Amino acid sequence: MLRRGLSFGVSMLYILLALSLGLMISTLVESQVAAMLSSGMALMAPTMIFSGLMFPIESMPVVLQWVSTLMPARWYIAAMRKIMIQGASLVHVETEILALTLMTSVLILVSLYKFKTRLE
């Protein structure tokens, strides 16, 4: 029962991070089409490659391992693996939760900084 709540909490944090990433992208571009294209093109392939979902991060060169630390999906997948497979508790996934929380905070702050109220 505890694992279910922990996996729910980590998933909600990841969803909040994804929403804040979308909010940041929408504040940086001018149109909805540009936002869809930039998010699809710039995020889809790197997320698949660097998240550890397709290729193990440990077998990547060190430079690419550092790049993978910037991918939110890496931390989510690592946390869910620990929770679901290893049966880890909150103490064992606090690094992943901290990384996801930090990324969410930074993306929301950048979005608030770049937000412009405009009437058209």
PDB file of N, CA and C in Angstrom:
ATOM      1  N   MET A   1       0.820  -1.194   0.000  1.00  0.00           N
ATOM      2  CA  MET A   1       0.000   0.000   0.000  1.00  0.00           C
ATOM      3  C   MET A   1       0.863   1.257   0.000  1.00  0.00           C
ATOM      4  N   LEU A   2       1.970   1.210   0.715  1.00  0.00           N
ATOM      5  CA  LEU A   2       2.857   2.364   0.789  1.00  0.00           C
ATOM      6  C   LEU A   2       3.530   2.630  -0.549  1.00  0.00           C
ATOM      7  N   ARG A   3       3.889   1.555  -1.250  1.00  0.00           N
ATOM      8  CA  ARG A   3       4.522   1.714  -2.559  1.00  0.00           C
ATOM      9  C   ARG A   3       3.576   2.355  -3.558  1.00  0.00           C
ATOM     10  N   ARG A   4       2.292   2.026  -3.457  1.00  0.00           N
ATOM     11  CA  ARG A   4       1.318   2.593  -4.376  1.00  0.00           C
ATOM     12  C   ARG A   4       1.222   4.105  -4.188  1.00  0.00           C
ATOM     13  N   GLY A   5       1.223   4.550  -2.945  1.00  0.00           N
ATOM     14  CA  GLY A   5       1.181   5.981  -2.672  1.00  0.00           C
ATOM     15  C   GLY A   5       2.448   6.690  -3.102  1.00  0.00           C
ATOM     16  N   LEU A   6       3.582   6.022  -2.915  1.00  0.00           N
ATOM     17  CA  LEU A   6       4.847   6.615  -3.329  1.00  0.00           C
ATOM     18  C   LEU A   6       4.932   6.713  -4.846  1.00  0.00           C
ATOM     19  N   SER A   7       4.506   5.668  -5.545  1.00  0.00           N
ATOM     20  CA  SER A   7       4.532   5.723  -7.006  1.00  0.00           C
ATOM     21  C   SER A   7       3.546   6.769  -7.524  1.00  0.00           C
ATOM     22  N   PHE A   8       2.412   6.934  -6.849  1.00  0.00           N
ATOM     23  CA  PHE A   8       1.451   7.972  -7.223  1.00  0.00           C
ATOM     24  C   PHE A   8       2.061   9.361  -7.030  1.00  0.00           C
ATOM     25  N   GLY A   9       2.733   9.574  -5.907  1.00  0.00           N
ATOM     26  CA  GLY A   9       3.354  10.867  -5.636  1.00  0.00           C
ATOM     27  C   GLY A   9       4.450  11.206  -6.624  1.00  0.00           C
ATOM     28  N   VAL A  10       5.285  10.245  -6.951  1.00  0.00           N
ATOM     29  CA  VAL A  10       6.362  10.476  -7.925  1.00  0.00           C
ATOM     30  C   VAL A  10       5.765  10.736  -9.302  1.00  0.00           C
ATOM     31  N   SER A  11       4.714  10.014  -9.653  1.00  0.00           N
ATOM     32  CA  SER A  11       4.065  10.228 -10.945  1.00  0.00           C
ATOM     33  C   SER A  11       3.427  11.610 -11.023  1.00  0.00           C
ATOM     34  N   MET A  12       2.806  12.059  -9.945  1.00  0.00           N
ATOM     35  CA  MET A  12       2.213  13.401  -9.929  1.00  0.00           C
ATOM     36  C   MET A  12       3.290  14.482 -10.051  1.00  0.00           C
ATOM     37  N   LEU A  13       4.421  14.254  -9.417  1.00  0.00           N
ATOM     38  CA  LEU A  13       5.535  15.196  -9.533  1.00  0.00           C
ATOM     39  C   LEU A  13       6.043  15.254 -10.966  1.00  0.00           C
ATOM     40  N   TYR A  14       6.138  14.099 -11.616  1.00  0.00           N
ATOM     41  CA  TYR A  14       6.594  14.062 -13.004  1.00  0.00           C
ATOM     42  C   TYR A  14       5.576  14.730 -13.934  1.00  0.00           C
ATOM     43  N   ILE A  15       4.296  14.537 -13.677  1.00  0.00           N
ATOM     44  CA  ILE A  15       3.269  15.198 -14.489  1.00  0.00           C
ATOM     45  C   ILE A  15       3.342  16.709 -14.305  1.00  0.00           C
ATOM     46  N   LEU A  16       3.560  17.170 -13.075  1.00  0.00           N
ATOM     47  CA  LEU A  16       3.720  18.606 -12.821  1.00  0.00           C
ATOM     48  C   LEU A  16       4.946  19.142 -13.547  1.00  0.00           C
ATOM     49  N   LEU A  17       6.015  18.375 -13.573  1.00  0.00           N
ATOM     50  CA  LEU A  17       7.218  18.779 -14.289  1.00  0.00           C
ATOM     51  C   LEU A  17       6.935  18.881 -15.782  1.00  0.00           C
ATOM     52  N   ALA A  18       6.225  17.903 -16.344  1.00  0.00           N
ATOM     53  CA  ALA A  18       5.897  17.939 -17.770  1.00  0.00           C
ATOM     54  C   ALA A  18       5.012  19.143 -18.100  1.00  0.00           C
ATOM     55  N   LEU A  19       4.071  19.449 -17.227  1.00  0.00           N
ATOM     56  CA  LEU A  19       3.223  20.613 -17.439  1.00  0.00           C
ATOM     57  C   LEU A  19       4.019  21.911 -17.350  1.00  0.00           C
ATOM     58  N   SER A  20       4.949  21.982 -16.417  1.00  0.00           N
ATOM     59  CA  SER A  20       5.762  23.196 -16.306  1.00  0.00           C
ATOM     60  C   SER A  20       6.705  23.332 -17.498  1.00  0.00           C
ATOM     61  N   LEU A  21       7.160  22.226 -18.055  1.00  0.00           N
ATOM     62  CA  LEU A  21       7.984  22.277 -19.269  1.00  0.00           C
ATOM     63  C   LEU A  21       7.153  22.794 -20.438  1.00  0.00           C
ATOM     64  N   GLY A  22       5.922  22.326 -20.558  1.00  0.00           N
ATOM     65  CA  GLY A  22       5.034  22.831 -21.593  1.00  0.00           C
ATOM     66  C   GLY A  22       4.722  24.300 -21.411  1.00  0.00           C
ATOM     67  N   LEU A  23       4.547  24.724 -20.171  1.00  0.00           N
ATOM     68  CA  LEU A  23       4.301  26.136 -19.882  1.00  0.00           C
ATOM     69  C   LEU A  23       5.501  26.983 -20.269  1.00  0.00           C
ATOM     70  N   MET A  24       6.698  26.493 -19.965  1.00  0.00           N
ATOM     71  CA  MET A  24       7.900  27.243 -20.333  1.00  0.00           C
ATOM     72  C   MET A  24       8.034  27.354 -21.842  1.00  0.00           C
ATOM     73  N   ILE A  25       7.790  26.269 -22.554  1.00  0.00           N
ATOM     74  CA  ILE A  25       7.882  26.309 -24.016  1.00  0.00           C
ATOM     75  C   ILE A  25       6.863  27.281 -24.588  1.00  0.00           C
ATOM     76  N   SER A  26       5.661  27.294 -24.034  1.00  0.00           N
ATOM     77  CA  SER A  26       4.636  28.199 -24.555  1.00  0.00           C
ATOM     78  C   SER A  26       4.951  29.665 -24.263  1.00  0.00           C
ATOM     79  N   THR A  27       5.725  29.941 -23.238  1.00  0.00           N
ATOM     80  CA  THR A  27       6.107  31.331 -22.986  1.00  0.00           C
ATOM     81  C   THR A  27       7.269  31.777 -23.867  1.00  0.00           C
ATOM     82  N   LEU A  28       8.008  30.829 -24.423  1.00  0.00           N
ATOM     83  CA  LEU A  28       9.176  31.179 -25.238  1.00  0.00           C
ATOM     84  C   LEU A  28       8.859  31.345 -26.719  1.00  0.00           C
ATOM     85  N   VAL A  29       7.803  30.713 -27.223  1.00  0.00           N
ATOM     86  CA  VAL A  29       7.493  30.775 -28.649  1.00  0.00           C
ATOM     87  C   VAL A  29       6.251  31.621 -28.879  1.00  0.00           C
ATOM     88  N   GLU A  30       6.024  31.974 -30.139  1.00  0.00           N
ATOM     89  CA  GLU A  30       4.941  32.897 -30.466  1.00  0.00           C
ATOM     90  C   GLU A  30       3.606  32.226 -30.752  1.00  0.00           C
ATOM     91  N   SER A  31       3.631  31.015 -31.330  1.00  0.00           N
ATOM     92  CA  SER A  31       2.366  30.403 -31.723  1.00  0.00           C
ATOM     93  C   SER A  31       2.259  28.972 -31.189  1.00  0.00           C
ATOM     94  N   GLN A  32       1.059  28.449 -31.253  1.00  0.00           N
ATOM     95  CA  GLN A  32       0.815  27.096 -30.777  1.00  0.00           C
ATOM     96  C   GLN A  32       1.492  26.068 -31.674  1.00  0.00           C
ATOM     97  N   VAL A  33       1.518  26.334 -32.970  1.00  0.00           N
ATOM     98  CA  VAL A  33       2.174  25.416 -33.907  1.00  0.00           C
ATOM     99  C   VAL A  33       3.664  25.356 -33.625  1.00  0.00           C
ATOM    100  N   ALA A  34       4.266  26.506 -33.381  1.00  0.00           N
ATOM    101  CA  ALA A  34       5.695  26.539 -33.064  1.00  0.00           C
ATOM    102  C   ALA A  34       5.983  25.811 -31.756  1.00  0.00           C
ATOM    103  N   ALA A  35       5.084  25.932 -30.793  1.00  0.00           N
ATOM    104  CA  ALA A  35       5.268  25.237 -29.521  1.00  0.00           C
ATOM    105  C   ALA A  35       5.190  23.730 -29.711  1.00  0.00           C
ATOM    106  N   MET A  36       4.238  23.269 -30.507  1.00  0.00           N
ATOM    107  CA  MET A  36       4.114  21.836 -30.753  1.00  0.00           C
ATOM    108  C   MET A  36       5.325  21.294 -31.503  1.00  0.00           C
ATOM    109  N   LEU A  37       5.771  22.011 -32.518  1.00  0.00           N
ATOM    110  CA  LEU A  37       6.926  21.549 -33.294  1.00  0.00           C
ATOM    111  C   LEU A  37       8.204  21.564 -32.467  1.00  0.00           C
ATOM    112  N   SER A  38       8.420  22.621 -31.725  1.00  0.00           N
ATOM    113  CA  SER A  38       9.657  22.705 -30.946  1.00  0.00           C
ATOM    114  C   SER A  38       9.682  21.675 -29.824  1.00  0.00           C
ATOM    115  N   SER A  39       8.553  21.452 -29.195  1.00  0.00           N
ATOM    116  CA  SER A  39       8.544  20.456 -28.120  1.00  0.00           C
ATOM    117  C   SER A  39       8.670  19.049 -28.689  1.00  0.00           C
ATOM    118  N   GLY A  40       8.017  18.781 -29.792  1.00  0.00           N
ATOM    119  CA  GLY A  40       8.102  17.457 -30.394  1.00  0.00           C
ATOM    120  C   GLY A  40       9.477  17.143 -30.944  1.00  0.00           C
ATOM    121  N   MET A  41      10.043  18.086 -31.663  1.00  0.00           N
ATOM    122  CA  MET A  41      11.341  17.864 -32.295  1.00  0.00           C
ATOM    123  C   MET A  41      12.477  17.890 -31.279  1.00  0.00           C
ATOM    124  N   ALA A  42      12.411  18.802 -30.337  1.00  0.00           N
ATOM    125  CA  ALA A  42      13.540  18.977 -29.416  1.00  0.00           C
ATOM    126  C   ALA A  42      13.511  18.027 -28.231  1.00  0.00           C
ATOM    127  N   LEU A  43      12.361  17.451 -27.932  1.00  0.00           N
ATOM    128  CA  LEU A  43      12.265  16.649 -26.710  1.00  0.00           C
ATOM    129  C   LEU A  43      12.044  15.158 -26.940  1.00  0.00           C
ATOM    130  N   MET A  44      11.434  14.788 -28.040  1.00  0.00           N
ATOM    131  CA  MET A  44      11.066  13.388 -28.220  1.00  0.00           C
ATOM    132  C   MET A  44      12.289  12.472 -28.344  1.00  0.00           C
ATOM    133  N   ALA A  45      13.155  12.739 -29.286  1.00  0.00           N
ATOM    134  CA  ALA A  45      14.323  11.865 -29.500  1.00  0.00           C
ATOM    135  C   ALA A  45      15.291  11.886 -28.315  1.00  0.00           C
ATOM    136  N   PRO A  46      15.662  13.063 -27.791  1.00  0.00           N
ATOM    137  CA  PRO A  46      16.578  13.043 -26.635  1.00  0.00           C
ATOM    138  C   PRO A  46      15.997  12.330 -25.422  1.00  0.00           C
ATOM    139  N   THR A  47      14.701  12.455 -25.211  1.00  0.00           N
ATOM    140  CA  THR A  47      14.088  11.768 -24.077  1.00  0.00           C
ATOM    141  C   THR A  47      14.172  10.259 -24.256  1.00  0.00           C
ATOM    142  N   MET A  48      13.905   9.786 -25.450  1.00  0.00           N
ATOM    143  CA  MET A  48      13.972   8.342 -25.700  1.00  0.00           C
ATOM    144  C   MET A  48      15.398   7.818 -25.566  1.00  0.00           C
ATOM    145  N   ILE A  49      16.363   8.582 -26.037  1.00  0.00           N
ATOM    146  CA  ILE A  49      17.758   8.115 -26.040  1.00  0.00           C
ATOM    147  C   ILE A  49      18.399   8.243 -24.662  1.00  0.00           C
ATOM    148  N   PHE A  50      18.224   9.373 -24.013  1.00  0.00           N
ATOM    149  CA  PHE A  50      18.966   9.673 -22.786  1.00  0.00           C
ATOM    150  C   PHE A  50      18.233   9.322 -21.493  1.00  0.00           C
ATOM    151  N   SER A  51      17.022   8.791 -21.564  1.00  0.00           N
ATOM    152  CA  SER A  51      16.284   8.510 -20.337  1.00  0.00           C
ATOM    153  C   SER A  51      16.662   7.175 -19.704  1.00  0.00           C
ATOM    154  N   GLY A  52      17.320   6.323 -20.460  1.00  0.00           N
ATOM    155  CA  GLY A  52      17.636   5.000 -19.944  1.00  0.00           C
ATOM    156  C   GLY A  52      16.565   3.986 -20.283  1.00  0.00           C
ATOM    157  N   LEU A  53      15.567   4.409 -21.024  1.00  0.00           N
ATOM    158  CA  LEU A  53      14.482   3.512 -21.401  1.00  0.00           C
ATOM    159  C   LEU A  53      14.914   2.543 -22.497  1.00  0.00           C
ATOM    160  N   MET A  54      15.642   3.048 -23.488  1.00  0.00           N
ATOM    161  CA  MET A  54      16.073   2.203 -24.596  1.00  0.00           C
ATOM    162  C   MET A  54      17.495   1.691 -24.413  1.00  0.00           C
ATOM    163  N   PHE A  55      18.372   2.572 -23.953  1.00  0.00           N
ATOM    164  CA  PHE A  55      19.781   2.228 -23.784  1.00  0.00           C
ATOM    165  C   PHE A  55      20.181   2.446 -22.330  1.00  0.00           C
ATOM    166  N   PRO A  56      20.897   1.517 -21.731  1.00  0.00           N
ATOM    167  CA  PRO A  56      21.330   1.715 -20.340  1.00  0.00           C
ATOM    168  C   PRO A  56      22.266   2.919 -20.218  1.00  0.00           C
ATOM    169  N   ILE A  57      22.000   3.745 -19.236  1.00  0.00           N
ATOM    170  CA  ILE A  57      22.807   4.946 -19.041  1.00  0.00           C
ATOM    171  C   ILE A  57      24.247   4.581 -18.680  1.00  0.00           C
ATOM    172  N   GLU A  58      24.416   3.492 -17.957  1.00  0.00           N
ATOM    173  CA  GLU A  58      25.758   3.090 -17.527  1.00  0.00           C
ATOM    174  C   GLU A  58      26.653   2.714 -18.701  1.00  0.00           C
ATOM    175  N   SER A  59      26.081   2.310 -19.837  1.00  0.00           N
ATOM    176  CA  SER A  59      26.893   1.925 -20.986  1.00  0.00           C
ATOM    177  C   SER A  59      27.157   3.093 -21.933  1.00  0.00           C
ATOM    178  N   MET A  60      26.638   4.260 -21.622  1.00  0.00           N
ATOM    179  CA  MET A  60      26.885   5.451 -22.442  1.00  0.00           C
ATOM    180  C   MET A  60      28.237   6.046 -22.085  1.00  0.00           C
ATOM    181  N   PRO A  61      28.839   6.801 -23.022  1.00  0.00           N
ATOM    182  CA  PRO A  61      30.050   7.550 -22.662  1.00  0.00           C
ATOM    183  C   PRO A  61      29.747   8.545 -21.544  1.00  0.00           C
ATOM    184  N   VAL A  62      30.771   8.923 -20.818  1.00  0.00           N
ATOM    185  CA  VAL A  62      30.598   9.780 -19.639  1.00  0.00           C
ATOM    186  C   VAL A  62      29.940  11.107 -20.003  1.00  0.00           C
ATOM    187  N   VAL A  63      30.287  11.673 -21.142  1.00  0.00           N
ATOM    188  CA  VAL A  63      29.694  12.952 -21.551  1.00  0.00           C
ATOM    189  C   VAL A  63      28.185  12.799 -21.738  1.00  0.00           C
ATOM    190  N   LEU A  64      27.774  11.710 -22.347  1.00  0.00           N
ATOM    191  CA  LEU A  64      26.344  11.492 -22.552  1.00  0.00           C
ATOM    192  C   LEU A  64      25.635  11.151 -21.248  1.00  0.00           C
ATOM    193  N   GLN A  65      26.341  10.556 -20.313  1.00  0.00           N
ATOM    194  CA  GLN A  65      25.747  10.321 -18.999  1.00  0.00           C
ATOM    195  C   GLN A  65      25.454  11.648 -18.308  1.00  0.00           C
ATOM    196  N   TRP A  66      26.355  12.610 -18.469  1.00  0.00           N
ATOM    197  CA  TRP A  66      26.118  13.938 -17.901  1.00  0.00           C
ATOM    198  C   TRP A  66      24.937  14.625 -18.582  1.00  0.00           C
ATOM    199  N   VAL A  67      24.833  14.459 -19.909  1.00  0.00           N
ATOM    200  CA  VAL A  67      23.701  15.037 -20.640  1.00  0.00           C
ATOM    201  C   VAL A  67      22.392  14.407 -20.169  1.00  0.00           C
ATOM    202  N   SER A  68      22.431  13.119 -19.884  1.00  0.00           N
ATOM    203  CA  SER A  68      21.202  12.439 -19.464  1.00  0.00           C
ATOM    204  C   SER A  68      20.689  12.933 -18.117  1.00  0.00           C
ATOM    205  N   THR A  69      21.544  13.550 -17.320  1.00  0.00           N
ATOM    206  CA  THR A  69      21.068  14.079 -16.041  1.00  0.00           C
ATOM    207  C   THR A  69      20.107  15.250 -16.226  1.00  0.00           C
ATOM    208  N   LEU A  70      20.094  15.846 -17.406  1.00  0.00           N
ATOM    209  CA  LEU A  70      19.184  16.959 -17.681  1.00  0.00           C
ATOM    210  C   LEU A  70      17.811  16.490 -18.145  1.00  0.00           C
ATOM    211  N   MET A  71      17.662  15.200 -18.397  1.00  0.00           N
ATOM    212  CA  MET A  71      16.395  14.646 -18.869  1.00  0.00           C
ATOM    213  C   MET A  71      15.509  14.251 -17.680  1.00  0.00           C
ATOM    214  N   PRO A  72      14.339  14.848 -17.553  1.00  0.00           N
ATOM    215  CA  PRO A  72      13.451  14.498 -16.442  1.00  0.00           C
ATOM    216  C   PRO A  72      13.025  13.031 -16.454  1.00  0.00           C
ATOM    217  N   ALA A  73      12.868  12.468 -17.630  1.00  0.00           N
ATOM    218  CA  ALA A  73      12.415  11.075 -17.721  1.00  0.00           C
ATOM    219  C   ALA A  73      13.421  10.112 -17.108  1.00  0.00           C
ATOM    220  N   ARG A  74      14.700  10.475 -17.137  1.00  0.00           N
ATOM    221  CA  ARG A  74      15.720   9.613 -16.525  1.00  0.00           C
ATOM    222  C   ARG A  74      15.426   9.428 -15.038  1.00  0.00           C
ATOM    223  N   TRP A  75      15.127  10.523 -14.357  1.00  0.00           N
ATOM    224  CA  TRP A  75      14.902  10.475 -12.913  1.00  0.00           C
ATOM    225  C   TRP A  75      13.581   9.786 -12.586  1.00  0.00           C
ATOM    226  N   TYR A  76      12.577  10.001 -13.415  1.00  0.00           N
ATOM    227  CA  TYR A  76      11.288   9.346 -13.188  1.00  0.00           C
ATOM    228  C   TYR A  76      11.408   7.838 -13.374  1.00  0.00           C
ATOM    229  N   ILE A  77      12.049   7.426 -14.452  1.00  0.00           N
ATOM    230  CA  ILE A  77      12.203   5.995 -14.721  1.00  0.00           C
ATOM    231  C   ILE A  77      13.031   5.329 -13.635  1.00  0.00           C
ATOM    232  N   ALA A  78      14.087   6.000 -13.196  1.00  0.00           N
ATOM    233  CA  ALA A  78      14.926   5.437 -12.124  1.00  0.00           C
ATOM    234  C   ALA A  78      14.124   5.282 -10.829  1.00  0.00           C
ATOM    235  N   ALA A  79      13.316   6.287 -10.512  1.00  0.00           N
ATOM    236  CA  ALA A  79      12.502   6.208  -9.287  1.00  0.00           C
ATOM    237  C   ALA A  79      11.471   5.097  -9.390  1.00  0.00           C
ATOM    238  N   MET A  80      10.807   4.990 -10.520  1.00  0.00           N
ATOM    239  CA  MET A  80       9.783   3.959 -10.669  1.00  0.00           C
ATOM    240  C   MET A  80      10.387   2.556 -10.676  1.00  0.00           C
ATOM    241  N   ARG A  81      11.569   2.416 -11.233  1.00  0.00           N
ATOM    242  CA  ARG A  81      12.244   1.111 -11.181  1.00  0.00           C
ATOM    243  C   ARG A  81      12.547   0.717  -9.740  1.00  0.00           C
ATOM    244  N   LYS A  82      13.035   1.683  -8.975  1.00  0.00           N
ATOM    245  CA  LYS A  82      13.341   1.396  -7.574  1.00  0.00           C
ATOM    246  C   LYS A  82      12.085   1.045  -6.789  1.00  0.00           C
ATOM    247  N   ILE A  83      11.016   1.791  -7.025  1.00  0.00           N
ATOM    248  CA  ILE A  83       9.778   1.568  -6.280  1.00  0.00           C
ATOM    249  C   ILE A  83       9.130   0.254  -6.680  1.00  0.00           C
ATOM    250  N   MET A  84       8.987   0.030  -7.980  1.00  0.00           N
ATOM    251  CA  MET A  84       8.247  -1.138  -8.460  1.00  0.00           C
ATOM    252  C   MET A  84       9.044  -2.433  -8.390  1.00  0.00           C
ATOM    253  N   ILE A  85      10.295  -2.396  -8.789  1.00  0.00           N
ATOM    254  CA  ILE A  85      11.073  -3.630  -8.872  1.00  0.00           C
ATOM    255  C   ILE A  85      11.766  -3.955  -7.556  1.00  0.00           C
ATOM    256  N   GLN A  86      12.399  -2.958  -6.964  1.00  0.00           N
ATOM    257  CA  GLN A  86      13.164  -3.202  -5.744  1.00  0.00           C
ATOM    258  C   GLN A  86      12.320  -3.046  -4.484  1.00  0.00           C
ATOM    259  N   GLY A  87      11.147  -2.448  -4.607  1.00  0.00           N
ATOM    260  CA  GLY A  87      10.317  -2.230  -3.430  1.00  0.00           C
ATOM    261  C   GLY A  87      10.898  -1.178  -2.499  1.00  0.00           C
ATOM    262  N   ALA A  88      11.555  -0.189  -3.066  1.00  0.00           N
ATOM    263  CA  ALA A  88      12.244   0.830  -2.276  1.00  0.00           C
ATOM    264  C   ALA A  88      11.252   1.760  -1.585  1.00  0.00           C
ATOM    265  N   SER A  89      11.707   2.356  -0.510  1.00  0.00           N
ATOM    266  CA  SER A  89      10.891   3.319   0.227  1.00  0.00           C
ATOM    267  C   SER A  89      11.305   4.734  -0.166  1.00  0.00           C
ATOM    268  N   LEU A  90      10.695   5.700   0.501  1.00  0.00           N
ATOM    269  CA  LEU A  90      10.958   7.110   0.203  1.00  0.00           C
ATOM    270  C   LEU A  90      12.429   7.467   0.378  1.00  0.00           C
ATOM    271  N   VAL A  91      13.079   6.884   1.347  1.00  0.00           N
ATOM    272  CA  VAL A  91      14.486   7.184   1.618  1.00  0.00           C
ATOM    273  C   VAL A  91      15.367   6.799   0.428  1.00  0.00           C
ATOM    274  N   HIS A  92      14.999   5.745  -0.276  1.00  0.00           N
ATOM    275  CA  HIS A  92      15.818   5.246  -1.370  1.00  0.00           C
ATOM    276  C   HIS A  92      15.596   5.987  -2.682  1.00  0.00           C
ATOM    277  N   VAL A  93      14.517   6.747  -2.791  1.00  0.00           N
ATOM    278  CA  VAL A  93      14.261   7.499  -4.022  1.00  0.00           C
ATOM    279  C   VAL A  93      14.313   9.007  -3.797  1.00  0.00           C
ATOM    280  N   GLU A  94      14.896   9.422  -2.689  1.00  0.00           N
ATOM    281  CA  GLU A  94      14.917  10.862  -2.409  1.00  0.00           C
ATOM    282  C   GLU A  94      15.795  11.627  -3.386  1.00  0.00           C
ATOM    283  N   THR A  95      16.841  11.019  -3.939  1.00  0.00           N
ATOM    284  CA  THR A  95      17.675  11.694  -4.937  1.00  0.00           C
ATOM    285  C   THR A  95      16.862  11.994  -6.189  1.00  0.00           C
ATOM    286  N   GLU A  96      16.094  11.025  -6.648  1.00  0.00           N
ATOM    287  CA  GLU A  96      15.270  11.212  -7.835  1.00  0.00           C
ATOM    288  C   GLU A  96      14.172  12.239  -7.588  1.00  0.00           C
ATOM    289  N   ILE A  97      13.560  12.183  -6.419  1.00  0.00           N
ATOM    290  CA  ILE A  97      12.507  13.144  -6.085  1.00  0.00           C
ATOM    291  C   ILE A  97      13.088  14.553  -5.986  1.00  0.00           C
ATOM    292  N   LEU A  98      14.266  14.670  -5.411  1.00  0.00           N
ATOM    293  CA  LEU A  98      14.920  15.977  -5.327  1.00  0.00           C
ATOM    294  C   LEU A  98      15.233  16.524  -6.717  1.00  0.00           C
ATOM    295  N   ALA A  99      15.729  15.673  -7.610  1.00  0.00           N
ATOM    296  CA  ALA A  99      16.040  16.110  -8.976  1.00  0.00           C
ATOM    297  C   ALA A  99      14.778  16.566  -9.705  1.00  0.00           C
ATOM    298  N   LEU A 100      13.707  15.799  -9.589  1.00  0.00           N
ATOM    299  CA  LEU A 100      12.449  16.177 -10.235  1.00  0.00           C
ATOM    300  C   LEU A 100      11.880  17.466  -9.654  1.00  0.00           C
ATOM    301  N   THR A 101      11.973  17.625  -8.338  1.00  0.00           N
ATOM    302  CA  THR A 101      11.480  18.845  -7.694  1.00  0.00           C
ATOM    303  C   THR A 101      12.303  20.065  -8.110  1.00  0.00           C
ATOM    304  N   LEU A 102      13.601  19.905  -8.177  1.00  0.00           N
ATOM    305  CA  LEU A 102      14.469  21.007  -8.599  1.00  0.00           C
ATOM    306  C   LEU A 102      14.182  21.410 -10.041  1.00  0.00           C
ATOM    307  N   MET A 103      14.026  20.434 -10.924  1.00  0.00           N
ATOM    308  CA  MET A 103      13.718  20.734 -12.326  1.00  0.00           C
ATOM    309  C   MET A 103      12.374  21.433 -12.453  1.00  0.00           C
ATOM    310  N   THR A 104      11.380  20.962 -11.704  1.00  0.00           N
ATOM    311  CA  THR A 104      10.063  21.588 -11.742  1.00  0.00           C
ATOM    312  C   THR A 104      10.134  23.033 -11.272  1.00  0.00           C
ATOM    313  N   SER A 105      10.851  23.268 -10.196  1.00  0.00           N
ATOM    314  CA  SER A 105      10.980  24.628  -9.654  1.00  0.00           C
ATOM    315  C   SER A 105      11.665  25.559 -10.645  1.00  0.00           C
ATOM    316  N   VAL A 106      12.729  25.095 -11.265  1.00  0.00           N
ATOM    317  CA  VAL A 106      13.457  25.920 -12.229  1.00  0.00           C
ATOM    318  C   VAL A 106      12.574  26.235 -13.432  1.00  0.00           C
ATOM    319  N   LEU A 107      11.864  25.242 -13.945  1.00  0.00           N
ATOM    320  CA  LEU A 107      11.013  25.479 -15.114  1.00  0.00           C
ATOM    321  C   LEU A 107       9.874  26.441 -14.793  1.00  0.00           C
ATOM    322  N   ILE A 108       9.290  26.331 -13.619  1.00  0.00           N
ATOM    323  CA  ILE A 108       8.222  27.259 -13.245  1.00  0.00           C
ATOM    324  C   ILE A 108       8.769  28.673 -13.066  1.00  0.00           C
ATOM    325  N   LEU A 109       9.936  28.802 -12.454  1.00  0.00           N
ATOM    326  CA  LEU A 109      10.530  30.135 -12.288  1.00  0.00           C
ATOM    327  C   LEU A 109      10.886  30.769 -13.623  1.00  0.00           C
ATOM    328  N   VAL A 110      11.432  29.996 -14.546  1.00  0.00           N
ATOM    329  CA  VAL A 110      11.744  30.520 -15.881  1.00  0.00           C
ATOM    330  C   VAL A 110      10.459  30.919 -16.594  1.00  0.00           C
ATOM    331  N   SER A 111       9.418  30.114 -16.464  1.00  0.00           N
ATOM    332  CA  SER A 111       8.133  30.435 -17.089  1.00  0.00           C
ATOM    333  C   SER A 111       7.553  31.729 -16.537  1.00  0.00           C
ATOM    334  N   LEU A 112       7.622  31.900 -15.232  1.00  0.00           N
ATOM    335  CA  LEU A 112       7.115  33.136 -14.630  1.00  0.00           C
ATOM    336  C   LEU A 112       7.938  34.338 -15.049  1.00  0.00           C
ATOM    337  N   TYR A 113       9.234  34.159 -15.174  1.00  0.00           N
ATOM    338  CA  TYR A 113      10.107  35.268 -15.583  1.00  0.00           C
ATOM    339  C   TYR A 113       9.841  35.669 -17.035  1.00  0.00           C
ATOM    340  N   LYS A 114       9.619  34.689 -17.903  1.00  0.00           N
ATOM    341  CA  LYS A 114       9.435  34.967 -19.327  1.00  0.00           C
ATOM    342  C   LYS A 114       7.990  35.280 -19.695  1.00  0.00           C
ATOM    343  N   PHE A 115       7.064  35.109 -18.763  1.00  0.00           N
ATOM    344  CA  PHE A 115       5.651  35.332 -19.061  1.00  0.00           C
ATOM    345  C   PHE A 115       5.379  36.796 -19.316  1.00  0.00           C
ATOM    346  N   LYS A 116       4.664  37.052 -20.419  1.00  0.00           N
ATOM    347  CA  LYS A 116       4.269  38.411 -20.759  1.00  0.00           C
ATOM    348  C   LYS A 116       2.766  38.439 -20.980  1.00  0.00           C
ATOM    349  N   THR A 117       2.113  39.341 -20.343  1.00  0.00           N
ATOM    350  CA  THR A 117       0.674  39.483 -20.608  1.00  0.00           C
ATOM    351  C   THR A 117       0.534  40.328 -21.865  1.00  0.00           C
ATOM    352  N   ARG A 118      -0.219  39.798 -22.811  1.00  0.00           N
ATOM    353  CA  ARG A 118      -0.407  40.521 -24.061  1.00  0.00           C
ATOM    354  C   ARG A 118      -1.851  40.359 -24.525  1.00  0.00           C
ATOM    355  N   LEU A 119      -2.353  41.410 -25.083  1.00  0.00           N
ATOM    356  CA  LEU A 119      -3.696  41.388 -25.642  1.00  0.00           C
ATOM    357  C   LEU A 119      -3.557  41.566 -27.141  1.00  0.00           C
ATOM    358  N   GLU A 120      -4.273  40.732 -27.877  1.00  0.00           N
ATOM    359  CA  GLU A 120      -4.200  40.843 -29.339  1.00  0.00           C
ATOM    360  C   GLU A 120      -5.568  41.060 -29.912  1.00  0.00           C
TER     361      GLU A 120
END
